[in-house]
C-alpha atoms as a PDB file:
ATOM      1  CA  MET A   1    -127.680 252.624 190.810  1.00  0.00           C
ATOM      2  CA  THR A   2    -126.160 253.662 193.974  1.00  0.00           C
ATOM      3  CA  ILE A   3    -126.074 257.214 195.522  1.00  0.00           C
ATOM      4  CA  ARG A   4    -123.486 257.511 198.187  1.00  0.00           C
ATOM      5  CA  GLY A   5    -122.976 260.899 199.765  1.00  0.00           C
ATOM      6  CA  GLY A   6    -124.437 262.576 196.527  1.00  0.00           C
ATOM      7  CA  VAL A   7    -122.151 260.831 194.048  1.00  0.00           C
ATOM      8  CA  VAL A   8    -124.238 258.662 191.562  1.00  0.00           C
ATOM      9  CA  TYR A   9    -122.593 255.383 190.353  1.00  0.00           C
ATOM     10  CA  ARG A  10    -123.250 251.799 189.291  1.00  0.00           C
ATOM     11  CA  VAL A  11    -121.479 248.929 191.050  1.00  0.00           C
ATOM     12  CA  LEU A  12    -120.203 246.439 188.534  1.00  0.00           C
ATOM     13  CA  ALA A  13    -117.999 244.125 190.889  1.00  0.00           C
ATOM     14  CA  LYS A  14    -117.120 244.188 194.540  1.00  0.00           C
ATOM     15  CA  SER A  15    -114.309 242.545 196.701  1.00  0.00           C
ATOM     16  CA  LYS A  16    -113.325 242.563 200.333  1.00  0.00           C
ATOM     17  CA  ILE A  17    -109.636 242.629 201.037  1.00  0.00           C
ATOM     18  CA  ASN A  18    -108.114 241.764 204.447  1.00  0.00           C
ATOM     19  CA  LEU A  19    -105.057 243.944 205.000  1.00  0.00           C
ATOM     20  CA  GLY A  20    -103.801 241.854 208.015  1.00  0.00           C
ATOM     21  CA  ASP A  21    -103.581 244.887 210.251  1.00  0.00           C
ATOM     22  CA  GLU A  22    -105.449 246.774 213.018  1.00  0.00           C
ATOM     23  CA  HIS A  23    -107.777 248.221 210.288  1.00  0.00           C
ATOM     24  CA  MET A  24    -111.170 246.427 209.244  1.00  0.00           C
ATOM     25  CA  ASP A  25    -111.336 244.868 205.814  1.00  0.00           C
ATOM     26  CA  LYS A  26    -111.326 247.352 202.876  1.00  0.00           C
ATOM     27  CA  THR A  27    -113.801 247.108 200.000  1.00  0.00           C
ATOM     28  CA  ILE A  28    -112.709 247.695 196.533  1.00  0.00           C
ATOM     29  CA  SER A  29    -115.479 248.055 193.980  1.00  0.00           C
ATOM     30  CA  LEU A  30    -115.360 248.499 190.064  1.00  0.00           C
ATOM     31  CA  ILE A  31    -118.068 251.130 189.496  1.00  0.00           C
ATOM     32  CA  THR A  32    -119.293 253.260 186.465  1.00  0.00           C
ATOM     33  CA  LEU A  33    -119.834 257.022 186.763  1.00  0.00           C
ATOM     34  CA  ASP A  34    -122.689 257.957 184.341  1.00  0.00           C
ATOM     35  CA  TYR A  35    -122.057 261.592 184.574  1.00  0.00           C
ATOM     36  CA  GLU A  36    -119.106 263.931 184.937  1.00  0.00           C
ATOM     37  CA  ILE A  37    -118.255 265.531 188.437  1.00  0.00           C
ATOM     38  CA  ARG A  38    -117.316 269.200 188.144  1.00  0.00           C
ATOM     39  CA  ILE A  39    -114.826 270.210 190.887  1.00  0.00           C
ATOM     40  CA  ILE A  40    -113.370 273.549 191.748  1.00  0.00           C
ATOM     41  CA  GLY A  41    -110.914 274.225 194.482  1.00  0.00           C
ATOM     42  CA  LEU A  42    -107.600 275.597 195.802  1.00  0.00           C
ATOM     43  CA  SER A  43    -104.718 274.747 193.682  1.00  0.00           C
ATOM     44  CA  PHE A  44    -101.536 273.499 195.206  1.00  0.00           C
ATOM     45  CA  ALA A  45     -99.437 274.546 192.425  1.00  0.00           C
ATOM     46  CA  LYS A  46    -100.758 278.094 192.859  1.00  0.00           C
ATOM     47  CA  SER A  47    -100.608 278.268 196.686  1.00  0.00           C
ATOM     48  CA  GLY A  48     -96.934 278.895 197.093  1.00  0.00           C
ATOM     49  CA  LEU A  49     -96.791 276.101 199.838  1.00  0.00           C
ATOM     50  CA  PRO A  50     -93.704 273.784 199.841  1.00  0.00           C
ATOM     51  CA  GLY A  51     -94.198 270.433 198.269  1.00  0.00           C
ATOM     52  CA  THR A  52     -94.765 268.372 201.487  1.00  0.00           C
ATOM     53  CA  VAL A  53     -97.499 266.391 202.884  1.00  0.00           C
ATOM     54  CA  GLU A  54     -97.727 268.775 205.886  1.00  0.00           C
ATOM     55  CA  SER A  55     -98.448 271.464 203.165  1.00  0.00           C
ATOM     56  CA  LEU A  56    -101.481 269.490 201.911  1.00  0.00           C
ATOM     57  CA  SER A  57    -102.837 269.619 205.380  1.00  0.00           C
ATOM     58  CA  LYS A  58    -102.402 273.287 205.516  1.00  0.00           C
ATOM     59  CA  MET A  59    -104.108 273.630 202.216  1.00  0.00           C
ATOM     60  CA  TRP A  60    -107.129 271.601 203.498  1.00  0.00           C
ATOM     61  CA  ASP A  61    -107.235 273.749 206.660  1.00  0.00           C
ATOM     62  CA  MET A  62    -107.257 276.927 204.592  1.00  0.00           C
ATOM     63  CA  TYR A  63    -109.997 275.548 202.251  1.00  0.00           C
ATOM     64  CA  GLY A  64    -112.089 274.441 205.214  1.00  0.00           C
ATOM     65  CA  GLU A  65    -111.716 277.746 207.327  1.00  0.00           C
ATOM     66  CA  ARG A  66    -112.063 280.178 204.387  1.00  0.00           C
ATOM     67  CA  TYR A  67    -114.206 278.621 201.705  1.00  0.00           C
ATOM     68  CA  ARG A  68    -116.010 275.450 202.578  1.00  0.00           C
ATOM     69  CA  ASN A  69    -119.901 276.230 202.565  1.00  0.00           C
ATOM     70  CA  LYS A  70    -119.164 279.525 200.679  1.00  0.00           C
ATOM     71  CA  VAL A  71    -118.408 278.242 197.131  1.00  0.00           C
ATOM     72  CA  LYS A  72    -120.709 279.508 194.474  1.00  0.00           C
ATOM     73  CA  HIS A  73    -122.752 276.626 192.580  1.00  0.00           C
ATOM     74  CA  ALA A  74    -121.668 274.099 195.294  1.00  0.00           C
ATOM     75  CA  THR A  75    -123.749 270.839 195.074  1.00  0.00           C
ATOM     76  CA  ALA A  76    -125.923 269.932 197.903  1.00  0.00           C
ATOM     77  CA  PRO A  77    -125.117 267.906 199.900  1.00  0.00           C
ATOM     78  CA  LEU A  78    -121.800 269.396 199.999  1.00  0.00           C
ATOM     79  CA  ILE A  79    -119.108 266.940 198.794  1.00  0.00           C
ATOM     80  CA  ASP A  80    -115.339 267.708 199.257  1.00  0.00           C
ATOM     81  CA  TYR A  81    -112.875 266.217 196.829  1.00  0.00           C
ATOM     82  CA  GLY A  82    -109.129 265.922 196.810  1.00  0.00           C
ATOM     83  CA  VAL A  83    -107.881 265.760 193.177  1.00  0.00           C
ATOM     84  CA  ASN A  84    -104.493 264.370 192.515  1.00  0.00           C
ATOM     85  CA  CYS A  85    -103.795 265.134 188.865  1.00  0.00           C
ATOM     86  CA  ALA A  86    -100.948 265.186 186.325  1.00  0.00           C
ATOM     87  CA  LEU A  87     -99.454 262.191 188.432  1.00  0.00           C
ATOM     88  CA  THR A  88     -97.334 260.948 185.378  1.00  0.00           C
ATOM     89  CA  THR A  89     -95.844 264.389 184.502  1.00  0.00           C
ATOM     90  CA  SER A  90     -93.608 266.894 186.163  1.00  0.00           C
ATOM     91  CA  LYS A  91     -96.592 269.208 186.463  1.00  0.00           C
ATOM     92  CA  HIS A  92     -98.223 267.449 189.396  1.00  0.00           C
ATOM     93  CA  GLU A  93    -101.250 269.189 190.740  1.00  0.00           C
ATOM     94  CA  TYR A  94    -103.520 268.723 193.757  1.00  0.00           C
ATOM     95  CA  ILE A  95    -106.924 270.460 194.143  1.00  0.00           C
ATOM     96  CA  ALA A  96    -108.738 270.754 197.476  1.00  0.00           C
ATOM     97  CA  GLY A  97    -112.318 271.620 196.804  1.00  0.00           C
ATOM     98  CA  CYS A  98    -115.850 270.570 196.184  1.00  0.00           C
ATOM     99  CA  SER A  99    -118.255 269.673 193.487  1.00  0.00           C
ATOM    100  CA  VAL A 100    -120.213 272.377 191.638  1.00  0.00           C
ATOM    101  CA  THR A 101    -123.049 272.599 189.241  1.00  0.00           C
ATOM    102  CA  GLU A 102    -121.186 274.851 186.980  1.00  0.00           C
ATOM    103  CA  ILE A 103    -117.781 276.268 186.728  1.00  0.00           C
ATOM    104  CA  GLY A 104    -117.755 280.008 186.733  1.00  0.00           C
ATOM    105  CA  GLU A 105    -114.999 282.607 187.195  1.00  0.00           C
ATOM    106  CA  LEU A 106    -112.333 281.265 189.612  1.00  0.00           C
ATOM    107  CA  ASP A 107    -110.108 283.205 192.087  1.00  0.00           C
ATOM    108  CA  ALA A 108    -106.466 283.422 191.240  1.00  0.00           C
ATOM    109  CA  ASN A 109    -105.475 280.446 193.530  1.00  0.00           C
ATOM    110  CA  TRP A 110    -108.254 278.191 192.327  1.00  0.00           C
ATOM    111  CA  ALA A 111    -108.352 275.496 189.500  1.00  0.00           C
ATOM    112  CA  PRO A 112    -111.073 273.463 187.903  1.00  0.00           C
ATOM    113  CA  PHE A 113    -111.048 269.626 187.284  1.00  0.00           C
ATOM    114  CA  ILE A 114    -113.740 267.704 185.551  1.00  0.00           C
ATOM    115  CA  VAL A 115    -113.922 264.019 186.526  1.00  0.00           C
ATOM    116  CA  PRO A 116    -115.133 262.186 183.333  1.00  0.00           C
ATOM    117  CA  PRO A 117    -117.807 259.542 183.125  1.00  0.00           C
ATOM    118  CA  GLY A 118    -116.547 256.151 182.931  1.00  0.00           C
ATOM    119  CA  MET A 119    -115.067 253.064 184.933  1.00  0.00           C
ATOM    120  CA  TYR A 120    -113.296 253.618 188.210  1.00  0.00           C
ATOM    121  CA  ILE A 121    -112.109 251.461 191.038  1.00  0.00           C
ATOM    122  CA  LYS A 122    -113.631 252.603 194.207  1.00  0.00           C
ATOM    123  CA  HIS A 123    -111.553 251.984 197.205  1.00  0.00           C
ATOM    124  CA  SER A 124    -113.299 252.518 200.616  1.00  0.00           C
ATOM    125  CA  ARG A 125    -111.301 253.417 203.693  1.00  0.00           C
ATOM    126  CA  CYS A 126    -112.175 253.362 207.400  1.00  0.00           C
ATOM    127  CA  LYS A 127    -110.288 256.539 208.239  1.00  0.00           C
ATOM    128  CA  MET A 128    -109.276 259.695 206.474  1.00  0.00           C
ATOM    129  CA  ASP A 129    -105.612 259.087 207.709  1.00  0.00           C
ATOM    130  CA  ASP A 130    -105.389 255.957 205.272  1.00  0.00           C
ATOM    131  CA  LEU A 131    -105.253 258.390 202.327  1.00  0.00           C
ATOM    132  CA  PHE A 132    -102.426 256.630 200.313  1.00  0.00           C
ATOM    133  CA  LYS A 133    -101.615 253.848 202.633  1.00  0.00           C
ATOM    134  CA  TYR A 134    -103.534 251.235 200.435  1.00  0.00           C
ATOM    135  CA  GLU A 135    -102.806 252.619 196.985  1.00  0.00           C
ATOM    136  CA  ASN A 136    -100.951 249.361 196.098  1.00  0.00           C
ATOM    137  CA  ASP A 137    -103.944 247.305 196.964  1.00  0.00           C
ATOM    138  CA  VAL A 138    -105.927 249.183 194.223  1.00  0.00           C
ATOM    139  CA  LYS A 139    -103.038 248.233 191.690  1.00  0.00           C
ATOM    140  CA  VAL A 140    -102.825 244.523 192.652  1.00  0.00           C
ATOM    141  CA  TRP A 141    -106.639 244.272 192.543  1.00  0.00           C
ATOM    142  CA  ALA A 142    -106.750 245.844 189.018  1.00  0.00           C
ATOM    143  CA  GLU A 143    -103.896 243.650 187.821  1.00  0.00           C
ATOM    144  CA  THR A 144    -105.509 240.506 189.190  1.00  0.00           C
ATOM    145  CA  ASN A 145    -108.849 241.195 187.704  1.00  0.00           C
ATOM    146  CA  GLY A 146    -107.648 242.189 184.281  1.00  0.00           C
ATOM    147  CA  TYR A 147    -108.060 246.045 184.422  1.00  0.00           C
ATOM    148  CA  LYS A 148    -105.375 248.715 183.579  1.00  0.00           C
ATOM    149  CA  ILE A 149    -105.345 251.750 185.721  1.00  0.00           C
ATOM    150  CA  ASN A 150    -105.138 255.314 184.195  1.00  0.00           C
ATOM    151  CA  GLU A 151    -102.388 256.871 186.391  1.00  0.00           C
ATOM    152  CA  ASP A 152    -103.070 260.505 185.126  1.00  0.00           C
ATOM    153  CA  PHE A 153    -105.361 261.307 188.187  1.00  0.00           C
ATOM    154  CA  MET A 154    -106.945 259.959 191.329  1.00  0.00           C
ATOM    155  CA  ILE A 155    -109.868 261.285 193.181  1.00  0.00           C
ATOM    156  CA  GLU A 156    -110.431 261.312 197.022  1.00  0.00           C
ATOM    157  CA  VAL A 157    -114.109 261.719 198.108  1.00  0.00           C
ATOM    158  CA  TYR A 158    -115.040 263.229 201.386  1.00  0.00           C
ATOM    159  CA  PRO A 159    -118.931 263.217 201.691  1.00  0.00           C
ATOM    160  CA  SER A 160    -120.613 265.693 203.931  1.00  0.00           C
ATOM    161  CA  GLY A 161    -119.709 265.164 207.490  1.00  0.00           C
ATOM    162  CA  ALA A 162    -116.219 263.657 206.837  1.00  0.00           C
ATOM    163  CA  PHE A 163    -114.313 266.668 208.196  1.00  0.00           C
ATOM    164  CA  GLU A 164    -116.552 266.998 211.127  1.00  0.00           C
ATOM    165  CA  GLY A 165    -115.705 263.420 212.297  1.00  0.00           C
ATOM    166  CA  LYS A 166    -119.131 261.839 211.396  1.00  0.00           C
ATOM    167  CA  ASP A 167    -119.249 258.195 210.496  1.00  0.00           C
ATOM    168  CA  VAL A 168    -119.311 258.548 206.676  1.00  0.00           C
ATOM    169  CA  GLU A 169    -117.593 256.562 203.990  1.00  0.00           C
ATOM    170  CA  VAL A 170    -114.444 258.168 202.716  1.00  0.00           C
ATOM    171  CA  TYR A 171    -113.154 256.590 199.499  1.00  0.00           C
ATOM    172  CA  ALA A 172    -110.998 257.209 196.472  1.00  0.00           C
ATOM    173  CA  LEU A 173    -111.742 256.658 192.850  1.00  0.00           C
ATOM    174  CA  THR A 174    -108.987 255.517 190.470  1.00  0.00           C
ATOM    175  CA  PRO A 175    -109.829 255.663 186.668  1.00  0.00           C
ATOM    176  CA  VAL A 176    -109.752 252.476 184.671  1.00  0.00           C
ATOM    177  CA  VAL A 177    -108.515 252.666 180.956  1.00  0.00           C
ATOM    178  CA  SER A 178    -111.502 251.591 178.802  1.00  0.00           C
END
């Protein structure tokens, strides 16, 4: 069992991929989450912000300035999450928030998301800026290794210190269809 930044998982398989650019090799692992992760955060759909990448940055800034370290029932250590959900529908949603021990009453602009236990492809990144740059690598890795991706959601994991520029592993979790 591995505990990385407060997230508990088991590694089932691991591969290094060379991207042939200035970035270091990336690691793609097949992992199992044994427990659900409860997340609450600011809802992009409820924010009123225009649907642009710049708006996501504004939303993260708003979350960081107003709410980070003030969320009731936040887990310790604090782990921030970006949740891309409803990817295959017209009701696409993005949540910028953190993990909590329980989901209580939510402010009007907040939304909950529960990451279910199961198999995930864990895609490690060197920099936070690499958010979606290597999404295709995950799809290729899954196909090559005989796994089917659940395209309903994707989770970005920002362990404590990620937004302060500390040297922590930032990664994404893509669910695998069982």
